[in-house]
Amino acid sequence: MVFSNVTFLFVFLPLVFLAYFAVPFRFKKGVLLVFSLVFYAWGEPVYILLMLYSIVVNFYMGIGIERYPDRAKSTMIFAVALNLFILGFFKYYGFLIENINALFRLQLPIRELALPIGISFYTFESLSYILDVYKGKISCQKNIVTYASYIAMFPQLLSGPIVRYSDIAEQLEQRKIDGVRFGEGCERFLFGLAKKVLLANTIGNLFDTIHAMGGDISVLTAWLGAVAYTLQIYFDFSGYSDMAIGLGKMLGFTFLENFNYPYLSASVTEFWRRWHISLGAWFREYVYIPLGGNRVPVLKHIRNILVVWFLTGLWHGASWNFIVWGMYYAALLLWEKYIFKPRNFPRPLKRLFTMLAVIIGWVIFSADNLSGAMVTILRMFGIGASGWIDETGLYYLSTNWLLLLLGVLFSVSLGRRLYRFLWKNCRPVLSISCGVLFVLCVAYMVTQNYNAFLYFRF
């Protein structure tokens, strides 16, 4: 278990900043590395050794690729295979054995392995580093403290964004650290914290309640649960990304944006340009383009889309519903590319169709299994539901409509517009609002039970 919210906010972060700003610049990487390892070890006292092993191996593999060009390809292949083996063993071992048992009617023992927190994120960062060194896009890092600081950096370690080494290589050696950037980072961190604590956690309670009901639910209740999860996962993940970007800025780093109001999208293609931008960019750079991208015959392009989205689904978890979720989006993207091109449709209508597709996708994603996802989707359209509207659904709607409305409004850029208005016209009100927001977040954190980010499991 990682730090509790209150411990992280009022103990860990003050100690980090006190030490970080007290030392000369040349020692800041070391301070950042030490605290990042403490942060990870607090939640994963055993798996910190796995991370350190990954850091050391990939550091020397990068040096080997650059120093011995005649063996660069074999070194790169070995490093990629080793990273994928470690990720596959800890994340997919149980899933693989379970399916082998089912397919061949065996009873091979399945040993439950705790998933190392954030392993998918730091493995993908390691892979991007190795591949970029091999391609000659970057020079290998010859200082292991610098490289380890990049991999273990605590702001984005657990839930991204996936930061490529090329994006922050210069910042690791030289970056601007001042009061203005620190203040901007504090604001961004606070807004992310509010997304997580005030919106994601609260809306998530509604989803958890409906999800636990299982049995007979009405169409209205089914849709309430689906919409609640749609909002919860956005505020949960984008909130963490905002906090990571904010913390990075406070430490002098600039991380790329990871979300751009995806629920405003007018197509599934646009949605995936706005959602989890760093993951989409990673798969595009290291899988889609090497396979040929879209500059290949139609059948090969279809293959490329299917491969990328199979891997995208599998990356999210060792379960068939994640794989089906990936294939679902592959089908939608191919549908938009080759079959249905509604150029003349009004944009609001295209947004409505896109959100419908996204909500159904989140039902598949959030389900415990495929059969549960199918049952929920059918109930959403009246098949197998206990009715269209019932007292339970009306009760949850009447008690949560304001929360859901705020969730919808803040997921479609109301917060950004409000911030810009206050920044231009009434900065004292903005400052007071930030203070009130912080007090509300602290009050909720004190009263709520520990609530981890959804993406910790990925």
Protein backbone atom coordinates (compact mmCIF):
# COMPACT_ATOMS: atom_id res chain seq x y z
CA MET A 1 0.00 0.00 0.00
CA VAL A 2 1.36 3.42 -0.96
CA PHE A 3 1.31 6.47 1.27
CA SER A 4 -2.09 7.55 2.50
CA ASN A 5 -3.24 10.78 0.91
CA VAL A 6 -2.72 12.79 4.08
CA THR A 7 0.75 11.34 4.76
CA PHE A 8 1.81 12.01 1.19
CA LEU A 9 0.51 15.57 1.25
CA PHE A 10 1.61 16.71 4.70
CA VAL A 11 4.70 14.59 5.42
CA PHE A 12 6.31 13.21 2.27
CA LEU A 13 5.98 16.25 -0.02
CA PRO A 14 7.21 18.82 2.55
CA LEU A 15 10.27 16.66 3.23
CA VAL A 16 10.92 16.32 -0.52
CA PHE A 17 10.73 20.07 -1.14
CA LEU A 18 12.73 20.93 1.97
CA ALA A 19 15.61 18.67 0.91
CA TYR A 20 15.32 19.40 -2.83
CA PHE A 21 15.49 23.18 -2.53
CA ALA A 22 18.10 23.14 0.24
CA VAL A 23 20.85 21.52 -1.86
CA PRO A 24 22.82 22.89 -4.83
CA PHE A 25 21.54 21.99 -8.31
CA ARG A 26 24.12 19.24 -8.87
CA PHE A 27 22.71 17.31 -5.89
CA LYS A 28 19.03 17.70 -6.76
CA LYS A 29 18.91 14.55 -8.92
CA GLY A 30 20.29 12.52 -6.05
CA VAL A 31 17.71 13.92 -3.63
CA LEU A 32 14.92 13.25 -6.14
CA LEU A 33 16.14 9.68 -6.66
CA VAL A 34 16.37 8.92 -2.95
CA PHE A 35 12.87 10.18 -2.22
CA SER A 36 11.48 8.44 -5.32
CA LEU A 37 12.89 5.12 -4.14
CA VAL A 38 11.55 5.72 -0.63
CA PHE A 39 8.15 6.50 -2.15
CA TYR A 40 8.11 3.27 -4.15
CA ALA A 41 9.61 1.14 -1.38
CA TRP A 42 6.95 2.37 1.04
CA GLY A 43 4.31 0.64 -1.03
CA GLU A 44 6.47 -2.14 -2.53
CA PRO A 45 9.28 -3.05 -0.07
CA VAL A 46 10.11 -6.22 -2.03
CA TYR A 47 9.53 -5.02 -5.58
CA ILE A 48 11.89 -2.09 -5.12
CA LEU A 49 14.60 -4.68 -5.87
CA LEU A 50 12.86 -5.48 -9.16
CA MET A 51 12.84 -1.81 -10.10
CA LEU A 52 16.50 -1.39 -9.18
CA TYR A 53 17.36 -4.47 -11.25
CA SER A 54 15.46 -3.03 -14.21
CA ILE A 55 17.26 0.31 -13.83
CA VAL A 56 20.74 -1.22 -13.69
CA VAL A 57 20.19 -3.66 -16.56
CA ASN A 58 18.65 -1.12 -18.92
CA PHE A 59 21.29 1.48 -18.05
CA TYR A 60 24.11 -0.86 -19.06
CA MET A 61 22.19 -2.22 -22.05
CA GLY A 62 21.91 1.35 -23.36
CA ILE A 63 25.65 1.86 -22.97
CA GLY A 64 26.32 -1.48 -24.68
CA ILE A 65 24.13 -0.60 -27.67
CA GLU A 66 25.99 2.66 -28.25
CA ARG A 67 29.50 1.44 -27.43
CA TYR A 68 29.42 -1.78 -29.45
CA PRO A 69 27.53 -1.06 -32.69
CA ASP A 70 28.36 -4.48 -34.18
CA ARG A 71 26.34 -6.06 -31.36
CA ALA A 72 23.77 -3.31 -31.01
CA LYS A 73 20.89 -5.24 -32.56
CA SER A 74 21.38 -8.36 -30.45
CA THR A 75 21.78 -6.23 -27.31
CA MET A 76 18.60 -4.33 -28.13
CA ILE A 77 16.65 -7.55 -28.75
CA PHE A 78 17.89 -9.03 -25.47
CA ALA A 79 16.97 -5.88 -23.51
CA VAL A 80 13.49 -5.68 -25.06
CA ALA A 81 12.89 -9.39 -24.48
CA LEU A 82 14.03 -9.15 -20.86
CA ASN A 83 11.79 -6.16 -20.14
CA LEU A 84 8.80 -7.85 -21.75
CA PHE A 85 9.52 -11.10 -19.89
CA ILE A 86 9.57 -9.34 -16.51
CA LEU A 87 6.37 -7.47 -17.32
CA GLY A 88 4.72 -10.61 -18.70
CA PHE A 89 5.71 -12.80 -15.78
CA PHE A 90 4.37 -10.54 -13.06
CA LYS A 91 1.34 -9.27 -14.94
CA TYR A 92 0.20 -12.17 -17.13
CA TYR A 93 1.54 -15.36 -15.53
CA GLY A 94 -1.71 -16.20 -13.74
CA PHE A 95 -3.83 -15.28 -16.76
CA LEU A 96 -1.73 -17.52 -19.02
CA ILE A 97 -1.85 -20.54 -16.71
CA GLU A 98 -5.58 -20.06 -16.16
CA ASN A 99 -6.25 -20.15 -19.91
CA ILE A 100 -3.91 -23.11 -20.48
CA ASN A 101 -5.82 -25.03 -17.80
CA ALA A 102 -9.14 -24.14 -19.40
CA LEU A 103 -8.00 -24.95 -22.93
CA PHE A 104 -6.29 -28.28 -22.23
CA ARG A 105 -8.33 -29.26 -19.16
CA LEU A 106 -5.26 -29.26 -16.94
CA GLN A 107 -4.84 -28.34 -13.31
CA LEU A 108 -1.54 -26.53 -13.31
CA PRO A 109 -1.09 -24.66 -10.02
CA ILE A 110 -1.52 -20.89 -10.15
CA ARG A 111 0.53 -18.95 -7.67
CA GLU A 112 -0.91 -15.53 -6.94
CA LEU A 113 1.68 -12.81 -7.54
CA ALA A 114 1.14 -9.28 -6.31
CA LEU A 115 1.39 -6.93 -9.27
CA PRO A 116 4.29 -4.47 -8.83
CA ILE A 117 2.71 -1.02 -8.78
CA GLY A 118 3.38 0.99 -11.93
CA ILE A 119 5.33 -1.81 -13.66
CA SER A 120 3.62 -1.17 -16.99
CA PHE A 121 4.60 2.49 -16.90
CA TYR A 122 8.26 2.15 -15.99
CA THR A 123 8.69 -0.85 -18.30
CA PHE A 124 7.40 1.18 -21.25
CA GLU A 125 9.71 4.04 -20.32
CA SER A 126 12.64 1.62 -20.23
CA LEU A 127 11.66 0.16 -23.60
CA SER A 128 11.37 3.59 -25.21
CA TYR A 129 14.83 4.47 -23.90
CA ILE A 130 16.43 1.28 -25.25
CA LEU A 131 14.73 1.59 -28.64
CA ASP A 132 15.58 5.29 -29.02
CA VAL A 133 19.24 4.61 -28.19
CA TYR A 134 19.27 1.79 -30.75
CA LYS A 135 17.70 4.01 -33.43
CA GLY A 136 20.22 6.76 -32.70
CA LYS A 137 17.52 9.25 -31.67
CA ILE A 138 19.22 9.86 -28.34
CA SER A 139 22.61 9.25 -26.80
CA CYS A 140 22.79 6.78 -23.97
CA GLN A 141 22.91 8.19 -20.46
CA LYS A 142 26.29 7.53 -18.84
CA ASN A 143 25.35 8.65 -15.34
CA ILE A 144 23.34 5.98 -13.56
CA VAL A 145 21.92 8.46 -11.01
CA THR A 146 20.51 10.54 -13.86
CA TYR A 147 19.01 7.51 -15.59
CA ALA A 148 17.61 6.13 -12.34
CA SER A 149 16.06 9.52 -11.57
CA TYR A 150 14.28 9.38 -14.93
CA ILE A 151 12.84 5.89 -14.38
CA ALA A 152 11.99 6.19 -10.68
CA MET A 153 10.78 9.82 -10.63
CA PHE A 154 7.90 9.62 -8.17
CA PRO A 155 5.45 12.20 -9.64
CA GLN A 156 4.66 10.05 -12.68
CA LEU A 157 5.89 6.66 -11.48
CA LEU A 158 2.61 4.97 -10.56
CA SER A 159 0.08 6.15 -13.11
CA GLY A 160 1.90 8.10 -15.78
CA PRO A 161 2.00 9.98 -18.01
CA ILE A 162 4.51 7.77 -19.80
CA VAL A 163 7.49 10.13 -20.07
CA ARG A 164 9.97 9.32 -22.82
CA TYR A 165 13.62 9.97 -22.04
CA SER A 166 13.99 12.18 -25.10
CA ASP A 167 11.30 14.50 -23.70
CA ILE A 168 13.19 15.31 -20.49
CA ALA A 169 16.85 14.44 -21.27
CA GLU A 170 17.87 18.10 -21.32
CA GLN A 171 15.73 18.89 -18.28
CA LEU A 172 17.54 16.24 -16.25
CA GLU A 173 20.75 18.22 -16.77
CA GLN A 174 19.42 21.77 -16.82
CA ARG A 175 16.02 23.15 -15.92
CA LYS A 176 14.43 26.31 -14.63
CA ILE A 177 13.39 26.24 -10.98
CA ASP A 178 11.74 29.37 -9.66
CA GLY A 179 8.82 30.64 -7.61
CA VAL A 180 6.58 31.29 -10.62
CA ARG A 181 6.86 27.74 -11.93
CA PHE A 182 6.46 26.38 -8.41
CA GLY A 183 3.23 28.36 -8.01
CA GLU A 184 1.90 27.19 -11.37
CA GLY A 185 2.74 23.63 -10.38
CA CYS A 186 0.91 24.03 -7.07
CA GLU A 187 -2.23 25.17 -8.90
CA ARG A 188 -2.08 22.28 -11.36
CA PHE A 189 -1.50 19.79 -8.53
CA LEU A 190 -4.43 21.21 -6.57
CA PHE A 191 -6.80 20.95 -9.53
CA GLY A 192 -5.74 17.34 -10.07
CA LEU A 193 -6.20 16.58 -6.38
CA ALA A 194 -9.70 18.05 -6.50
CA LYS A 195 -10.55 15.94 -9.55
CA LYS A 196 -9.49 12.81 -7.70
CA VAL A 197 -10.79 13.50 -4.20
CA LEU A 198 -13.91 15.56 -4.78
CA LEU A 199 -15.15 14.11 -8.08
CA ALA A 200 -13.62 10.71 -8.88
CA ASN A 201 -13.96 9.27 -5.38
CA THR A 202 -17.46 10.66 -4.83
CA ILE A 203 -18.83 9.62 -8.21
CA GLY A 204 -17.06 6.29 -7.77
CA ASN A 205 -19.17 5.61 -4.69
CA LEU A 206 -22.28 5.70 -6.90
CA PHE A 207 -20.72 3.28 -9.39
CA ASP A 208 -19.57 0.92 -6.63
CA THR A 209 -23.06 0.88 -5.13
CA ILE A 210 -24.76 0.07 -8.44
CA HIS A 211 -22.07 -2.41 -9.45
CA ALA A 212 -22.52 -4.30 -6.17
CA MET A 213 -26.27 -4.64 -6.79
CA GLY A 214 -25.66 -7.20 -9.51
CA GLY A 215 -29.11 -8.79 -9.97
CA ASP A 216 -32.21 -7.04 -11.20
CA ILE A 217 -31.68 -3.44 -12.12
CA SER A 218 -33.62 -1.13 -14.39
CA VAL A 219 -32.46 0.53 -17.58
CA LEU A 220 -32.15 3.82 -15.69
CA THR A 221 -29.98 2.27 -12.96
CA ALA A 222 -27.77 0.54 -15.53
CA TRP A 223 -27.17 3.82 -17.34
CA LEU A 224 -26.48 5.65 -14.08
CA GLY A 225 -23.79 3.09 -13.23
CA ALA A 226 -22.23 3.32 -16.70
CA VAL A 227 -22.20 7.13 -16.70
CA ALA A 228 -20.79 7.19 -13.16
CA TYR A 229 -17.85 4.97 -14.16
CA THR A 230 -17.29 7.03 -17.31
CA LEU A 231 -16.88 10.14 -15.18
CA GLN A 232 -14.98 8.39 -12.40
CA ILE A 233 -12.24 6.99 -14.60
CA TYR A 234 -11.76 10.31 -16.37
CA PHE A 235 -11.42 12.34 -13.19
CA ASP A 236 -9.35 9.60 -11.53
CA PHE A 237 -6.78 9.26 -14.28
CA SER A 238 -6.72 12.85 -15.58
CA GLY A 239 -6.57 14.00 -11.96
CA TYR A 240 -3.46 11.94 -11.32
CA SER A 241 -1.92 13.19 -14.58
CA ASP A 242 -2.59 16.77 -13.49
CA MET A 243 -0.95 16.09 -10.13
CA ALA A 244 2.06 14.51 -11.83
CA ILE A 245 2.43 17.44 -14.24
CA GLY A 246 2.03 19.88 -11.35
CA LEU A 247 4.59 18.14 -9.16
CA GLY A 248 6.96 17.96 -12.12
CA LYS A 249 6.65 21.70 -12.67
CA MET A 250 7.26 22.35 -8.97
CA LEU A 251 10.52 20.39 -9.33
CA GLY A 252 11.44 22.16 -12.56
CA PHE A 253 10.29 19.56 -15.10
CA THR A 254 7.80 19.97 -17.93
CA PHE A 255 5.83 16.81 -18.69
CA LEU A 256 3.69 16.57 -21.80
CA GLU A 257 -0.09 16.74 -21.45
CA ASN A 258 -1.88 13.41 -21.10
CA PHE A 259 -5.52 14.47 -21.54
CA ASN A 260 -7.25 17.06 -23.68
CA TYR A 261 -10.95 16.89 -22.76
CA PRO A 262 -11.60 13.58 -24.55
CA TYR A 263 -15.35 13.64 -23.88
CA LEU A 264 -15.65 16.55 -26.34
CA SER A 265 -14.56 14.27 -29.18
CA ALA A 266 -16.67 13.97 -32.31
CA SER A 267 -15.22 10.60 -33.33
CA VAL A 268 -13.52 7.62 -31.74
CA THR A 269 -10.36 8.54 -33.63
CA GLU A 270 -10.43 11.99 -32.04
CA PHE A 271 -11.17 10.47 -28.64
CA TRP A 272 -7.95 8.48 -28.73
CA ARG A 273 -5.99 11.57 -29.72
CA ARG A 274 -7.26 13.19 -26.52
CA TRP A 275 -7.31 10.28 -24.02
CA HIS A 276 -4.11 8.94 -22.41
CA ILE A 277 -2.07 10.77 -25.02
CA SER A 278 1.27 9.40 -23.82
CA LEU A 279 0.17 5.77 -24.19
CA GLY A 280 -1.24 6.37 -27.66
CA ALA A 281 1.97 8.13 -28.69
CA TRP A 282 4.04 5.22 -27.34
CA PHE A 283 2.15 2.59 -29.32
CA ARG A 284 2.18 4.77 -32.44
CA GLU A 285 5.94 5.33 -32.22
CA TYR A 286 7.10 1.85 -31.24
CA VAL A 287 4.47 -0.50 -32.68
CA TYR A 288 2.19 1.11 -35.28
CA ILE A 289 4.82 2.98 -37.33
CA PRO A 290 7.38 0.12 -37.30
CA LEU A 291 4.62 -2.15 -38.67
CA GLY A 292 4.09 0.31 -41.52
CA GLY A 293 1.41 2.57 -40.08
CA ASN A 294 -1.19 3.51 -42.64
CA ARG A 295 1.28 3.65 -45.54
CA VAL A 296 0.66 0.03 -46.43
CA PRO A 297 -2.03 -1.90 -48.34
CA VAL A 298 -5.46 -1.99 -46.72
CA LEU A 299 -5.16 -5.53 -45.33
CA LYS A 300 -1.83 -4.75 -43.68
CA HIS A 301 -3.23 -1.53 -42.25
CA ILE A 302 -6.11 -3.49 -40.75
CA ARG A 303 -3.55 -5.90 -39.30
CA ASN A 304 -1.61 -2.99 -37.81
CA ILE A 305 -4.71 -1.56 -36.15
CA LEU A 306 -5.66 -4.96 -34.73
CA VAL A 307 -2.15 -5.59 -33.37
CA VAL A 308 -1.92 -2.17 -31.71
CA TRP A 309 -5.32 -2.42 -30.07
CA PHE A 310 -4.85 -6.01 -28.98
CA LEU A 311 -1.67 -4.88 -27.21
CA THR A 312 -3.39 -1.76 -25.86
CA GLY A 313 -6.10 -3.88 -24.30
CA LEU A 314 -3.60 -6.40 -22.94
CA TRP A 315 -1.46 -3.59 -21.49
CA HIS A 316 -4.36 -2.55 -19.28
CA GLY A 317 -4.75 -5.89 -17.58
CA ALA A 318 -4.60 -9.68 -17.62
CA SER A 319 -8.23 -10.33 -18.41
CA TRP A 320 -10.26 -11.09 -21.51
CA ASN A 321 -12.49 -8.08 -21.00
CA PHE A 322 -9.48 -5.79 -21.49
CA ILE A 323 -8.54 -7.62 -24.70
CA VAL A 324 -12.12 -7.43 -25.96
CA TRP A 325 -12.17 -3.74 -25.01
CA GLY A 326 -9.10 -3.21 -27.18
CA MET A 327 -10.63 -5.14 -30.09
CA TYR A 328 -13.86 -3.16 -29.65
CA TYR A 329 -11.95 0.06 -30.28
CA ALA A 330 -10.04 -1.49 -33.16
CA ALA A 331 -13.37 -2.33 -34.80
CA LEU A 332 -14.72 1.19 -34.21
CA LEU A 333 -11.59 2.81 -35.64
CA LEU A 334 -11.68 0.59 -38.72
CA TRP A 335 -15.40 1.33 -39.10
CA GLU A 336 -14.68 5.07 -39.08
CA LYS A 337 -11.71 4.70 -41.42
CA TYR A 338 -13.17 2.48 -44.12
CA ILE A 339 -16.93 2.28 -43.82
CA PHE A 340 -18.77 5.08 -42.04
CA LYS A 341 -17.56 8.65 -42.58
CA PRO A 342 -20.28 11.01 -41.34
CA ARG A 343 -18.68 14.24 -42.58
CA ASN A 344 -22.03 15.94 -43.06
CA PHE A 345 -23.45 15.05 -39.65
CA PRO A 346 -23.84 17.94 -37.17
CA ARG A 347 -20.95 17.96 -34.70
CA PRO A 348 -23.24 17.68 -31.63
CA LEU A 349 -24.73 14.50 -33.10
CA LYS A 350 -21.27 13.07 -33.79
CA ARG A 351 -20.28 13.86 -30.21
CA LEU A 352 -23.37 12.05 -28.96
CA PHE A 353 -22.59 8.93 -31.00
CA THR A 354 -18.97 9.01 -29.83
CA MET A 355 -19.94 9.28 -26.16
CA LEU A 356 -22.36 6.40 -26.56
CA ALA A 357 -19.55 4.27 -27.97
CA VAL A 358 -17.17 5.37 -25.20
CA ILE A 359 -19.66 4.63 -22.42
CA ILE A 360 -20.26 1.12 -23.79
CA GLY A 361 -16.50 0.69 -23.96
CA TRP A 362 -16.13 1.61 -20.29
CA VAL A 363 -18.80 -0.97 -19.39
CA ILE A 364 -16.61 -3.65 -21.01
CA PHE A 365 -13.52 -2.21 -19.31
CA SER A 366 -15.00 -2.03 -15.81
CA ALA A 367 -16.76 -5.41 -15.77
CA ASP A 368 -15.50 -8.30 -13.67
CA ASN A 369 -15.82 -10.58 -16.70
CA LEU A 370 -17.16 -10.61 -20.25
CA SER A 371 -20.50 -12.14 -19.34
CA GLY A 372 -21.06 -9.42 -16.75
CA ALA A 373 -20.25 -6.74 -19.33
CA MET A 374 -22.68 -8.22 -21.85
CA VAL A 375 -25.46 -8.47 -19.26
CA THR A 376 -24.99 -4.82 -18.28
CA ILE A 377 -24.96 -3.61 -21.89
CA LEU A 378 -28.12 -5.56 -22.69
CA ARG A 379 -29.83 -4.12 -19.61
CA MET A 380 -28.88 -0.62 -20.71
CA PHE A 381 -30.99 -1.21 -23.81
CA GLY A 382 -33.89 -2.87 -22.01
CA ILE A 383 -32.99 -6.53 -22.51
CA GLY A 384 -33.08 -8.45 -19.23
CA ALA A 385 -33.66 -5.31 -17.15
CA SER A 386 -36.24 -5.19 -14.37
CA GLY A 387 -37.95 -2.31 -16.14
CA TRP A 388 -37.09 0.99 -17.71
CA ILE A 389 -37.44 3.15 -14.61
CA ASP A 390 -37.74 1.98 -11.02
CA GLU A 391 -37.66 3.50 -7.54
CA THR A 392 -34.01 2.53 -7.04
CA GLY A 393 -32.91 4.31 -10.19
CA LEU A 394 -35.01 7.38 -9.38
CA TYR A 395 -33.55 7.48 -5.87
CA TYR A 396 -29.94 7.40 -7.09
CA LEU A 397 -30.74 9.95 -9.79
CA SER A 398 -32.46 12.34 -7.37
CA THR A 399 -29.64 12.11 -4.82
CA ASN A 400 -26.76 12.32 -7.30
CA TRP A 401 -28.00 14.48 -10.19
CA LEU A 402 -26.05 17.56 -9.09
CA LEU A 403 -22.84 15.56 -8.66
CA LEU A 404 -23.26 13.96 -12.09
CA LEU A 405 -24.04 17.34 -13.67
CA LEU A 406 -20.89 18.85 -12.17
CA GLY A 407 -18.95 15.84 -13.42
CA VAL A 408 -20.26 16.34 -16.95
CA LEU A 409 -19.58 20.08 -16.93
CA PHE A 410 -16.05 19.78 -15.56
CA SER A 411 -15.22 16.98 -17.99
CA VAL A 412 -15.99 19.26 -20.95
CA SER A 413 -13.71 22.21 -20.12
CA LEU A 414 -15.92 24.26 -17.77
CA GLY A 415 -13.09 24.24 -15.21
CA ARG A 416 -10.55 25.56 -17.72
CA ARG A 417 -12.88 28.33 -18.89
CA LEU A 418 -13.66 29.33 -15.32
CA TYR A 419 -9.97 29.42 -14.44
CA ARG A 420 -9.10 31.57 -17.45
CA PHE A 421 -11.92 33.98 -16.67
CA LEU A 422 -10.86 34.40 -13.05
CA TRP A 423 -7.17 34.69 -14.01
CA LYS A 424 -7.93 37.54 -16.42
CA ASN A 425 -10.60 39.34 -14.45
CA CYS A 426 -10.47 38.52 -10.75
CA ARG A 427 -7.29 36.95 -9.43
CA PRO A 428 -8.14 37.49 -5.72
CA VAL A 429 -11.27 35.38 -6.19
CA LEU A 430 -9.14 32.72 -7.89
CA SER A 431 -6.72 32.67 -4.96
CA ILE A 432 -9.55 32.38 -2.44
CA SER A 433 -11.17 29.64 -4.55
CA CYS A 434 -7.94 27.65 -4.58
CA GLY A 435 -7.71 27.95 -0.80
CA VAL A 436 -11.29 26.76 -0.34
CA LEU A 437 -10.67 23.92 -2.78
CA PHE A 438 -7.62 22.80 -0.81
CA VAL A 439 -9.53 22.86 2.49
CA LEU A 440 -12.35 20.80 0.94
CA CYS A 441 -9.87 18.25 -0.40
CA VAL A 442 -8.18 17.88 2.98
CA ALA A 443 -11.55 17.53 4.72
CA TYR A 444 -12.59 14.78 2.32
CA MET A 445 -9.24 12.99 2.62
CA VAL A 446 -9.47 12.98 6.41
CA THR A 447 -13.00 11.54 6.40
CA GLN A 448 -12.67 9.11 3.49
CA ASN A 449 -11.08 5.70 3.60
CA TYR A 450 -7.96 5.14 1.51
CA ASN A 451 -8.97 5.13 -2.15
CA ALA A 452 -6.24 4.21 -4.63
CA PHE A 453 -6.10 5.40 -8.20
CA LEU A 454 -7.75 3.07 -10.67
CA TYR A 455 -4.63 2.99 -12.82
CA PHE A 456 -2.40 1.71 -9.97
CA ARG A 457 -3.26 -1.81 -11.15
CA PHE A 458 -1.90 -1.18 -14.61
